[in-house]
Full PDB file with SEQRES, HELIX, SHEET, SSBOND, CRYST1, ORIGX, SCALE, CONECT and MASTER records, all heavy atoms in Angstrom:
SEQRES   1 A   36  LYS GLU GLU GLU GLN LYS ASP MET THR GLN VAL ILE GLY          
SEQRES   2 A   36  THR LEU SER GLU LEU THR LYS GLU GLN GLU LYS GLN ARG          
SEQRES   3 A   36  GLU GLU GLU GLN LYS ASP MET THR GLN VAL                      
HELIX    1 AA1 GLU A    2  GLN A   35  1                                  34    
CRYST1    1.000    1.000    1.000  90.00  90.00  90.00 P 1           1          
ORIGX1      1.000000  0.000000  0.000000        0.00000                         
ORIGX2      0.000000  1.000000  0.000000        0.00000                         
ORIGX3      0.000000  0.000000  1.000000        0.00000                         
SCALE1      1.000000  0.000000  0.000000        0.00000                         
SCALE2      0.000000  1.000000  0.000000        0.00000                         
SCALE3      0.000000  0.000000  1.000000        0.00000                         
ATOM      1  N   LYS A   1     -11.308  40.285  61.779  1.00  0.00           N  
ATOM      2  CA  LYS A   1     -12.619  40.887  61.399  1.00  0.00           C  
ATOM      3  C   LYS A   1     -12.657  42.393  61.595  1.00  0.00           C  
ATOM      4  O   LYS A   1     -13.240  42.974  60.770  1.00  0.00           O  
ATOM      5  CB  LYS A   1     -13.739  40.112  62.116  1.00  0.00           C  
ATOM      6  CG  LYS A   1     -13.983  38.650  61.734  1.00  0.00           C  
ATOM      7  CD  LYS A   1     -15.036  38.047  62.398  1.00  0.00           C  
ATOM      8  CE  LYS A   1     -15.361  36.580  62.004  1.00  0.00           C  
ATOM      9  NZ  LYS A   1     -16.442  35.874  62.708  1.00  0.00           N  
ATOM     10  N   GLU A   2     -12.243  42.805  62.678  1.00  0.00           N  
ATOM     11  CA  GLU A   2     -12.207  44.211  63.008  1.00  0.00           C  
ATOM     12  C   GLU A   2     -11.360  44.996  61.971  1.00  0.00           C  
ATOM     13  O   GLU A   2     -11.744  46.073  61.408  1.00  0.00           O  
ATOM     14  CB  GLU A   2     -11.720  44.591  64.358  1.00  0.00           C  
ATOM     15  CG  GLU A   2     -12.747  44.181  65.496  1.00  0.00           C  
ATOM     16  CD  GLU A   2     -12.156  44.429  66.826  1.00  0.00           C  
ATOM     17  OE1 GLU A   2     -10.980  45.021  66.877  1.00  0.00           O  
ATOM     18  OE2 GLU A   2     -12.919  44.227  67.768  1.00  0.00           O  
ATOM     19  N   GLU A   3     -10.286  44.437  61.593  1.00  0.00           N  
ATOM     20  CA  GLU A   3      -9.318  45.093  60.522  1.00  0.00           C  
ATOM     21  C   GLU A   3      -9.944  45.051  59.173  1.00  0.00           C  
ATOM     22  O   GLU A   3      -9.992  45.996  58.435  1.00  0.00           O  
ATOM     23  CB  GLU A   3      -8.036  44.381  60.401  1.00  0.00           C  
ATOM     24  CG  GLU A   3      -7.162  44.525  61.632  1.00  0.00           C  
ATOM     25  CD  GLU A   3      -6.648  45.927  61.703  1.00  0.00           C  
ATOM     26  OE1 GLU A   3      -6.498  46.621  60.764  1.00  0.00           O  
ATOM     27  OE2 GLU A   3      -6.406  46.422  62.953  1.00  0.00           O  
ATOM     28  N   GLU A   4     -10.734  43.953  58.852  1.00  0.00           N  
ATOM     29  CA  GLU A   4     -11.407  43.896  57.559  1.00  0.00           C  
ATOM     30  C   GLU A   4     -12.575  44.819  57.528  1.00  0.00           C  
ATOM     31  O   GLU A   4     -12.811  45.497  56.494  1.00  0.00           O  
ATOM     32  CB  GLU A   4     -11.926  42.322  57.437  1.00  0.00           C  
ATOM     33  CG  GLU A   4     -10.914  41.303  57.046  1.00  0.00           C  
ATOM     34  CD  GLU A   4     -11.481  39.990  57.066  1.00  0.00           C  
ATOM     35  OE1 GLU A   4     -12.647  39.777  57.277  1.00  0.00           O  
ATOM     36  OE2 GLU A   4     -10.666  38.887  56.757  1.00  0.00           O  
ATOM     37  N   GLN A   5     -13.293  44.981  58.705  1.00  0.00           N  
ATOM     38  CA  GLN A   5     -14.373  45.980  58.771  1.00  0.00           C  
ATOM     39  C   GLN A   5     -13.750  47.301  58.472  1.00  0.00           C  
ATOM     40  O   GLN A   5     -14.359  48.202  57.705  1.00  0.00           O  
ATOM     41  CB  GLN A   5     -15.044  45.928  60.014  1.00  0.00           C  
ATOM     42  CG  GLN A   5     -15.945  44.702  60.223  1.00  0.00           C  
ATOM     43  CD  GLN A   5     -16.644  44.740  61.608  1.00  0.00           C  
ATOM     44  OE1 GLN A   5     -16.416  45.592  62.347  1.00  0.00           O  
ATOM     45  NE2 GLN A   5     -17.493  43.657  61.814  1.00  0.00           N  
ATOM     46  N   LYS A   6     -12.691  47.684  59.093  1.00  0.00           N  
ATOM     47  CA  LYS A   6     -12.050  49.067  58.812  1.00  0.00           C  
ATOM     48  C   LYS A   6     -11.678  49.161  57.409  1.00  0.00           C  
ATOM     49  O   LYS A   6     -11.841  50.256  56.860  1.00  0.00           O  
ATOM     50  CB  LYS A   6     -10.792  49.162  59.747  1.00  0.00           C  
ATOM     51  CG  LYS A   6     -11.076  49.245  61.296  1.00  0.00           C  
ATOM     52  CD  LYS A   6      -9.794  49.450  62.041  1.00  0.00           C  
ATOM     53  CE  LYS A   6     -10.058  49.511  63.489  1.00  0.00           C  
ATOM     54  NZ  LYS A   6      -8.802  49.633  64.345  1.00  0.00           N  
ATOM     55  N   ASP A   7     -11.052  48.145  56.800  1.00  0.00           N  
ATOM     56  CA  ASP A   7     -10.706  48.142  55.459  1.00  0.00           C  
ATOM     57  C   ASP A   7     -11.940  48.488  54.532  1.00  0.00           C  
ATOM     58  O   ASP A   7     -11.916  49.166  53.581  1.00  0.00           O  
ATOM     59  CB  ASP A   7     -10.004  46.988  55.054  1.00  0.00           C  
ATOM     60  CG  ASP A   7      -8.570  46.770  55.718  1.00  0.00           C  
ATOM     61  OD1 ASP A   7      -8.015  47.850  56.177  1.00  0.00           O  
ATOM     62  OD2 ASP A   7      -8.107  45.672  55.771  1.00  0.00           O  
ATOM     63  N   MET A   8     -12.982  47.735  54.783  1.00  0.00           N  
ATOM     64  CA  MET A   8     -14.138  47.871  53.918  1.00  0.00           C  
ATOM     65  C   MET A   8     -14.760  49.125  54.062  1.00  0.00           C  
ATOM     66  O   MET A   8     -15.118  49.841  53.073  1.00  0.00           O  
ATOM     67  CB  MET A   8     -15.166  46.777  54.372  1.00  0.00           C  
ATOM     68  CG  MET A   8     -14.821  45.406  53.898  1.00  0.00           C  
ATOM     69  SD  MET A   8     -16.189  44.212  54.071  1.00  0.00           S  
ATOM     70  CE  MET A   8     -16.138  44.060  55.812  1.00  0.00           C  
ATOM     71  N   THR A   9     -14.769  49.703  55.348  1.00  0.00           N  
ATOM     72  CA  THR A   9     -15.162  51.161  55.523  1.00  0.00           C  
ATOM     73  C   THR A   9     -14.234  52.199  54.800  1.00  0.00           C  
ATOM     74  O   THR A   9     -14.842  53.074  54.109  1.00  0.00           O  
ATOM     75  CB  THR A   9     -15.136  51.520  57.099  1.00  0.00           C  
ATOM     76  OG1 THR A   9     -16.001  50.496  57.688  1.00  0.00           O  
ATOM     77  CG2 THR A   9     -15.748  52.889  57.201  1.00  0.00           C  
ATOM     78  N   GLN A  10     -12.943  51.955  54.769  1.00  0.00           N  
ATOM     79  CA  GLN A  10     -12.142  52.873  54.093  1.00  0.00           C  
ATOM     80  C   GLN A  10     -12.386  52.820  52.500  1.00  0.00           C  
ATOM     81  O   GLN A  10     -12.414  53.798  51.825  1.00  0.00           O  
ATOM     82  CB  GLN A  10     -10.686  52.566  54.314  1.00  0.00           C  
ATOM     83  CG  GLN A  10     -10.316  52.966  55.687  1.00  0.00           C  
ATOM     84  CD  GLN A  10      -8.915  52.562  56.025  1.00  0.00           C  
ATOM     85  OE1 GLN A  10      -8.140  51.858  55.205  1.00  0.00           O  
ATOM     86  NE2 GLN A  10      -8.349  52.917  57.211  1.00  0.00           N  
ATOM     87  N   VAL A  11     -12.598  51.505  52.073  1.00  0.00           N  
ATOM     88  CA  VAL A  11     -12.922  51.314  50.629  1.00  0.00           C  
ATOM     89  C   VAL A  11     -14.180  52.028  50.302  1.00  0.00           C  
ATOM     90  O   VAL A  11     -14.247  52.722  49.207  1.00  0.00           O  
ATOM     91  CB  VAL A  11     -12.977  49.888  50.240  1.00  0.00           C  
ATOM     92  CG1 VAL A  11     -13.512  49.539  48.808  1.00  0.00           C  
ATOM     93  CG2 VAL A  11     -11.582  49.198  50.388  1.00  0.00           C  
ATOM     94  N   ILE A  12     -15.228  51.817  51.073  1.00  0.00           N  
ATOM     95  CA  ILE A  12     -16.487  52.470  50.760  1.00  0.00           C  
ATOM     96  C   ILE A  12     -16.373  54.021  50.680  1.00  0.00           C  
ATOM     97  O   ILE A  12     -16.834  54.665  49.844  1.00  0.00           O  
ATOM     98  CB  ILE A  12     -17.620  52.083  51.793  1.00  0.00           C  
ATOM     99  CG1 ILE A  12     -17.981  50.578  51.566  1.00  0.00           C  
ATOM    100  CG2 ILE A  12     -18.874  52.895  51.599  1.00  0.00           C  
ATOM    101  CD1 ILE A  12     -18.940  50.007  52.673  1.00  0.00           C  
ATOM    102  N   GLY A  13     -15.469  54.469  51.610  1.00  0.00           N  
ATOM    103  CA  GLY A  13     -15.271  56.063  51.767  1.00  0.00           C  
ATOM    104  C   GLY A  13     -14.604  56.487  50.522  1.00  0.00           C  
ATOM    105  O   GLY A  13     -14.812  57.595  49.960  1.00  0.00           O  
ATOM    106  N   THR A  14     -13.541  55.617  50.078  1.00  0.00           N  
ATOM    107  CA  THR A  14     -12.772  56.050  48.917  1.00  0.00           C  
ATOM    108  C   THR A  14     -13.674  56.083  47.572  1.00  0.00           C  
ATOM    109  O   THR A  14     -13.523  56.967  46.807  1.00  0.00           O  
ATOM    110  CB  THR A  14     -11.502  55.135  48.689  1.00  0.00           C  
ATOM    111  OG1 THR A  14     -10.774  55.151  49.986  1.00  0.00           O  
ATOM    112  CG2 THR A  14     -10.683  55.529  47.541  1.00  0.00           C  
ATOM    113  N   LEU A  15     -14.455  54.916  47.520  1.00  0.00           N  
ATOM    114  CA  LEU A  15     -15.396  54.957  46.297  1.00  0.00           C  
ATOM    115  C   LEU A  15     -16.253  56.109  46.355  1.00  0.00           C  
ATOM    116  O   LEU A  15     -16.546  56.690  45.260  1.00  0.00           O  
ATOM    117  CB  LEU A  15     -16.106  53.532  46.314  1.00  0.00           C  
ATOM    118  CG  LEU A  15     -15.298  52.281  45.997  1.00  0.00           C  
ATOM    119  CD1 LEU A  15     -16.138  51.062  46.215  1.00  0.00           C  
ATOM    120  CD2 LEU A  15     -14.777  52.388  44.644  1.00  0.00           C  
ATOM    121  N   SER A  16     -16.925  56.386  47.476  1.00  0.00           N  
ATOM    122  CA  SER A  16     -17.830  57.538  47.643  1.00  0.00           C  
ATOM    123  C   SER A  16     -17.177  58.844  47.108  1.00  0.00           C  
ATOM    124  O   SER A  16     -17.696  59.616  46.398  1.00  0.00           O  
ATOM    125  CB  SER A  16     -18.361  57.636  49.041  1.00  0.00           C  
ATOM    126  OG  SER A  16     -18.973  56.446  49.487  1.00  0.00           O  
ATOM    127  N   GLU A  17     -15.829  59.005  47.661  1.00  0.00           N  
ATOM    128  CA  GLU A  17     -15.119  60.299  47.253  1.00  0.00           C  
ATOM    129  C   GLU A  17     -14.980  60.302  45.735  1.00  0.00           C  
ATOM    130  O   GLU A  17     -15.096  61.344  45.104  1.00  0.00           O  
ATOM    131  CB  GLU A  17     -13.960  60.396  48.021  1.00  0.00           C  
ATOM    132  CG  GLU A  17     -14.087  60.625  49.500  1.00  0.00           C  
ATOM    133  CD  GLU A  17     -12.743  60.683  50.300  1.00  0.00           C  
ATOM    134  OE1 GLU A  17     -11.748  60.518  49.554  1.00  0.00           O  
ATOM    135  OE2 GLU A  17     -12.767  60.903  51.551  1.00  0.00           O  
ATOM    136  N   LEU A  18     -14.449  59.195  45.201  1.00  0.00           N  
ATOM    137  CA  LEU A  18     -14.171  59.154  43.773  1.00  0.00           C  
ATOM    138  C   LEU A  18     -15.455  59.399  42.878  1.00  0.00           C  
ATOM    139  O   LEU A  18     -15.445  60.115  41.974  1.00  0.00           O  
ATOM    140  CB  LEU A  18     -13.634  57.766  43.408  1.00  0.00           C  
ATOM    141  CG  LEU A  18     -12.190  57.551  43.870  1.00  0.00           C  
ATOM    142  CD1 LEU A  18     -11.622  56.045  43.452  1.00  0.00           C  
ATOM    143  CD2 LEU A  18     -11.238  58.501  43.210  1.00  0.00           C  
ATOM    144  N   THR A  19     -16.560  58.805  43.471  1.00  0.00           N  
ATOM    145  CA  THR A  19     -17.822  59.017  42.717  1.00  0.00           C  
ATOM    146  C   THR A  19     -18.286  60.438  42.766  1.00  0.00           C  
ATOM    147  O   THR A  19     -18.872  60.995  41.756  1.00  0.00           O  
ATOM    148  CB  THR A  19     -18.969  58.083  43.295  1.00  0.00           C  
ATOM    149  OG1 THR A  19     -18.456  56.816  43.278  1.00  0.00           O  
ATOM    150  CG2 THR A  19     -20.257  58.165  42.550  1.00  0.00           C  
ATOM    151  N   LYS A  20     -18.025  60.994  43.964  1.00  0.00           N  
ATOM    152  CA  LYS A  20     -18.435  62.478  44.043  1.00  0.00           C  
ATOM    153  C   LYS A  20     -17.583  63.280  43.033  1.00  0.00           C  
ATOM    154  O   LYS A  20     -18.143  64.240  42.433  1.00  0.00           O  
ATOM    155  CB  LYS A  20     -18.260  62.933  45.464  1.00  0.00           C  
ATOM    156  CG  LYS A  20     -19.219  62.393  46.414  1.00  0.00           C  
ATOM    157  CD  LYS A  20     -19.022  62.920  47.879  1.00  0.00           C  
ATOM    158  CE  LYS A  20     -19.947  62.306  48.872  1.00  0.00           C  
ATOM    159  NZ  LYS A  20     -19.701  62.782  50.258  1.00  0.00           N  
ATOM    160  N   GLU A  21     -16.281  63.122  43.079  1.00  0.00           N  
ATOM    161  CA  GLU A  21     -15.484  63.760  42.094  1.00  0.00           C  
ATOM    162  C   GLU A  21     -15.924  63.577  40.612  1.00  0.00           C  
ATOM    163  O   GLU A  21     -15.984  64.475  39.887  1.00  0.00           O  
ATOM    164  CB  GLU A  21     -14.028  63.280  42.277  1.00  0.00           C  
ATOM    165  CG  GLU A  21     -13.287  63.828  43.618  1.00  0.00           C  
ATOM    166  CD  GLU A  21     -13.247  65.302  43.567  1.00  0.00           C  
ATOM    167  OE1 GLU A  21     -13.076  65.950  42.523  1.00  0.00           O  
ATOM    168  OE2 GLU A  21     -13.177  65.832  44.748  1.00  0.00           O  
ATOM    169  N   GLN A  22     -16.122  62.352  40.307  1.00  0.00           N  
ATOM    170  CA  GLN A  22     -16.592  62.167  38.928  1.00  0.00           C  
ATOM    171  C   GLN A  22     -17.985  62.676  38.640  1.00  0.00           C  
ATOM    172  O   GLN A  22     -18.150  63.306  37.570  1.00  0.00           O  
ATOM    173  CB  GLN A  22     -16.705  60.643  38.644  1.00  0.00           C  
ATOM    174  CG  GLN A  22     -15.354  59.899  38.665  1.00  0.00           C  
ATOM    175  CD  GLN A  22     -15.381  58.400  38.344  1.00  0.00           C  
ATOM    176  OE1 GLN A  22     -16.533  57.838  38.461  1.00  0.00           O  
ATOM    177  NE2 GLN A  22     -14.424  57.771  38.201  1.00  0.00           N  
ATOM    178  N   GLU A  23     -18.884  62.606  39.521  1.00  0.00           N  
ATOM    179  CA  GLU A  23     -20.169  63.247  39.436  1.00  0.00           C  
ATOM    180  C   GLU A  23     -19.988  64.930  39.253  1.00  0.00           C  
ATOM    181  O   GLU A  23     -20.646  65.396  38.421  1.00  0.00           O  
ATOM    182  CB  GLU A  23     -21.043  63.104  40.689  1.00  0.00           C  
ATOM    183  CG  GLU A  23     -21.614  61.588  40.648  1.00  0.00           C  
ATOM    184  CD  GLU A  23     -22.496  61.418  41.838  1.00  0.00           C  
ATOM    185  OE1 GLU A  23     -22.643  62.287  42.690  1.00  0.00           O  
ATOM    186  OE2 GLU A  23     -23.100  60.316  41.919  1.00  0.00           O  
ATOM    187  N   LYS A  24     -18.996  65.419  39.952  1.00  0.00           N  
ATOM    188  CA  LYS A  24     -18.742  66.809  39.856  1.00  0.00           C  
ATOM    189  C   LYS A  24     -18.233  67.237  38.571  1.00  0.00           C  
ATOM    190  O   LYS A  24     -18.803  68.099  37.883  1.00  0.00           O  
ATOM    191  CB  LYS A  24     -17.786  67.311  40.915  1.00  0.00           C  
ATOM    192  CG  LYS A  24     -17.631  68.767  41.000  1.00  0.00           C  
ATOM    193  CD  LYS A  24     -16.638  69.127  42.167  1.00  0.00           C  
ATOM    194  CE  LYS A  24     -16.304  70.658  42.216  1.00  0.00           C  
ATOM    195  NZ  LYS A  24     -15.519  70.968  43.345  1.00  0.00           N  
ATOM    196  N   GLN A  25     -17.415  66.289  37.993  1.00  0.00           N  
ATOM    197  CA  GLN A  25     -16.817  66.644  36.615  1.00  0.00           C  
ATOM    198  C   GLN A  25     -17.877  66.459  35.572  1.00  0.00           C  
ATOM    199  O   GLN A  25     -17.910  67.226  34.559  1.00  0.00           O  
ATOM    200  CB  GLN A  25     -15.661  65.597  36.365  1.00  0.00           C  
ATOM    201  CG  GLN A  25     -14.378  65.878  37.276  1.00  0.00           C  
ATOM    202  CD  GLN A  25     -13.190  64.845  36.941  1.00  0.00           C  
ATOM    203  OE1 GLN A  25     -13.503  63.950  36.102  1.00  0.00           O  
ATOM    204  NE2 GLN A  25     -12.249  64.976  37.714  1.00  0.00           N  
ATOM    205  N   ARG A  26     -18.717  65.444  35.710  1.00  0.00           N  
ATOM    206  CA  ARG A  26     -19.813  65.172  34.793  1.00  0.00           C  
ATOM    207  C   ARG A  26     -20.840  66.358  34.808  1.00  0.00           C  
ATOM    208  O   ARG A  26     -21.288  66.800  33.765  1.00  0.00           O  
ATOM    209  CB  ARG A  26     -20.490  63.883  35.041  1.00  0.00           C  
ATOM    210  CG  ARG A  26     -19.752  62.654  35.055  1.00  0.00           C  
ATOM    211  CD  ARG A  26     -19.329  62.328  33.588  1.00  0.00           C  
ATOM    212  NE  ARG A  26     -18.666  61.060  33.405  1.00  0.00           N  
ATOM    213  CZ  ARG A  26     -18.252  60.502  32.239  1.00  0.00           C  
ATOM    214  NH1 ARG A  26     -18.359  61.169  31.207  1.00  0.00           N  
ATOM    215  NH2 ARG A  26     -17.571  59.412  32.322  1.00  0.00           N  
ATOM    216  N   GLU A  27     -21.097  66.869  36.052  1.00  0.00           N  
ATOM    217  CA  GLU A  27     -21.992  67.980  36.075  1.00  0.00           C  
ATOM    218  C   GLU A  27     -21.444  69.230  35.554  1.00  0.00           C  
ATOM    219  O   GLU A  27     -22.223  69.983  34.742  1.00  0.00           O  
ATOM    220  CB  GLU A  27     -22.290  68.308  37.654  1.00  0.00           C  
ATOM    221  CG  GLU A  27     -23.181  67.252  38.264  1.00  0.00           C  
ATOM    222  CD  GLU A  27     -23.335  67.430  39.701  1.00  0.00           C  
ATOM    223  OE1 GLU A  27     -22.797  68.462  40.207  1.00  0.00           O  
ATOM    224  OE2 GLU A  27     -24.102  66.743  40.365  1.00  0.00           O  
ATOM    225  N   GLU A  28     -20.132  69.478  35.640  1.00  0.00           N  
ATOM    226  CA  GLU A  28     -19.619  70.594  34.925  1.00  0.00           C  
ATOM    227  C   GLU A  28     -19.565  70.433  33.411  1.00  0.00           C  
ATOM    228  O   GLU A  28     -19.738  71.356  32.725  1.00  0.00           O  
ATOM    229  CB  GLU A  28     -18.149  70.705  35.372  1.00  0.00           C  
ATOM    230  CG  GLU A  28     -17.901  71.197  36.873  1.00  0.00           C  
ATOM    231  CD  GLU A  28     -16.492  71.198  37.325  1.00  0.00           C  
ATOM    232  OE1 GLU A  28     -15.596  70.786  36.602  1.00  0.00           O  
ATOM    233  OE2 GLU A  28     -16.290  71.693  38.484  1.00  0.00           O  
ATOM    234  N   GLU A  29     -19.344  69.123  32.971  1.00  0.00           N  
ATOM    235  CA  GLU A  29     -19.409  68.939  31.485  1.00  0.00           C  
ATOM    236  C   GLU A  29     -20.764  69.189  30.998  1.00  0.00           C  
ATOM    237  O   GLU A  29     -20.976  69.781  29.916  1.00  0.00           O  
ATOM    238  CB  GLU A  29     -18.981  67.476  31.133  1.00  0.00           C  
ATOM    239  CG  GLU A  29     -17.330  67.256  31.437  1.00  0.00           C  
ATOM    240  CD  GLU A  29     -17.080  65.814  31.010  1.00  0.00           C  
ATOM    241  OE1 GLU A  29     -17.982  65.033  30.671  1.00  0.00           O  
ATOM    242  OE2 GLU A  29     -15.861  65.486  31.172  1.00  0.00           O  
ATOM    243  N   GLN A  30     -21.792  68.756  31.879  1.00  0.00           N  
ATOM    244  CA  GLN A  30     -23.095  68.928  31.327  1.00  0.00           C  
ATOM    245  C   GLN A  30     -23.501  70.476  31.313  1.00  0.00           C  
ATOM    246  O   GLN A  30     -24.116  70.999  30.382  1.00  0.00           O  
ATOM    247  CB  GLN A  30     -24.126  68.245  32.489  1.00  0.00           C  
ATOM    248  CG  GLN A  30     -24.144  66.834  32.210  1.00  0.00           C  
ATOM    249  CD  GLN A  30     -25.256  66.160  33.124  1.00  0.00           C  
ATOM    250  OE1 GLN A  30     -25.517  66.792  34.185  1.00  0.00           O  
ATOM    251  NE2 GLN A  30     -25.780  65.090  32.870  1.00  0.00           N  
ATOM    252  N   LYS A  31     -22.936  71.235  32.195  1.00  0.00           N  
ATOM    253  CA  LYS A  31     -23.174  72.716  32.317  1.00  0.00           C  
ATOM    254  C   LYS A  31     -22.706  73.321  31.012  1.00  0.00           C  
ATOM    255  O   LYS A  31     -23.185  74.113  30.313  1.00  0.00           O  
ATOM    256  CB  LYS A  31     -22.588  73.258  33.498  1.00  0.00           C  
ATOM    257  CG  LYS A  31     -23.396  72.920  34.622  1.00  0.00           C  
ATOM    258  CD  LYS A  31     -22.753  73.709  36.002  1.00  0.00           C  
ATOM    259  CE  LYS A  31     -23.594  73.326  37.262  1.00  0.00           C  
ATOM    260  NZ  LYS A  31     -22.879  73.994  38.457  1.00  0.00           N  
ATOM    261  N   ASP A  32     -21.340  72.883  30.713  1.00  0.00           N  
ATOM    262  CA  ASP A  32     -20.666  73.400  29.535  1.00  0.00           C  
ATOM    263  C   ASP A  32     -21.416  73.022  28.251  1.00  0.00           C  
ATOM    264  O   ASP A  32     -21.554  73.955  27.382  1.00  0.00           O  
ATOM    265  CB  ASP A  32     -19.173  72.858  29.496  1.00  0.00           C  
ATOM    266  CG  ASP A  32     -18.362  73.335  30.700  1.00  0.00           C  
ATOM    267  OD1 ASP A  32     -18.774  74.495  31.152  1.00  0.00           O  
ATOM    268  OD2 ASP A  32     -17.385  72.793  30.959  1.00  0.00           O  
ATOM    269  N   MET A  33     -21.845  71.790  28.182  1.00  0.00           N  
ATOM    270  CA  MET A  33     -22.582  71.377  26.895  1.00  0.00           C  
ATOM    271  C   MET A  33     -23.908  72.119  26.870  1.00  0.00           C  
ATOM    272  O   MET A  33     -24.375  72.387  25.726  1.00  0.00           O  
ATOM    273  CB  MET A  33     -22.767  69.860  26.969  1.00  0.00           C  
ATOM    274  CG  MET A  33     -21.448  69.106  26.695  1.00  0.00           C  
ATOM    275  SD  MET A  33     -21.790  67.290  26.432  1.00  0.00           S  
ATOM    276  CE  MET A  33     -22.093  66.834  28.130  1.00  0.00           C  
ATOM    277  N   THR A  34     -24.573  72.283  28.037  1.00  0.00           N  
ATOM    278  CA  THR A  34     -25.898  72.996  28.008  1.00  0.00           C  
ATOM    279  C   THR A  34     -25.570  74.386  27.509  1.00  0.00           C  
ATOM    280  O   THR A  34     -26.345  74.976  26.673  1.00  0.00           O  
ATOM    281  CB  THR A  34     -26.465  73.147  29.442  1.00  0.00           C  
ATOM    282  OG1 THR A  34     -26.564  71.765  29.809  1.00  0.00           O  
ATOM    283  CG2 THR A  34     -27.792  73.827  29.444  1.00  0.00           C  
ATOM    284  N   GLN A  35     -24.550  75.106  27.958  1.00  0.00           N  
ATOM    285  CA  GLN A  35     -24.218  76.339  27.429  1.00  0.00           C  
ATOM    286  C   GLN A  35     -23.895  76.542  25.917  1.00  0.00           C  
ATOM    287  O   GLN A  35     -24.364  77.399  25.227  1.00  0.00           O  
ATOM    288  CB  GLN A  35     -23.024  77.077  28.183  1.00  0.00           C  
ATOM    289  CG  GLN A  35     -23.348  77.335  29.677  1.00  0.00           C  
ATOM    290  CD  GLN A  35     -22.100  77.783  30.506  1.00  0.00           C  
ATOM    291  OE1 GLN A  35     -20.950  77.937  29.814  1.00  0.00           O  
ATOM    292  NE2 GLN A  35     -22.355  78.201  31.753  1.00  0.00           N  
ATOM    293  N   VAL A  36     -23.215  75.461  25.482  1.00  0.00           N  
ATOM    294  CA  VAL A  36     -22.803  75.361  24.080  1.00  0.00           C  
ATOM    295  C   VAL A  36     -24.103  75.192  23.192  1.00  0.00           C  
ATOM    296  O   VAL A  36     -24.268  75.875  22.193  1.00  0.00           O  
ATOM    297  CB  VAL A  36     -21.790  74.221  23.699  1.00  0.00           C  
ATOM    298  CG1 VAL A  36     -21.706  74.044  22.295  1.00  0.00           C  
ATOM    299  CG2 VAL A  36     -20.519  74.601  24.474  1.00  0.00           C  
TER     300      VAL A  36                                                      
MASTER        0    0    0    1    0    0    0    6  299    1    0    3          
END                                                                             
């Protein structure tokens, strides 16, 4: 159970990081499109 909790915590952290990266890319695309 402790190992599963660690794995779930790592998964949540990885998903959060990926989401942040994608949000950052989307925000940059929005800025570019707004400028265009």
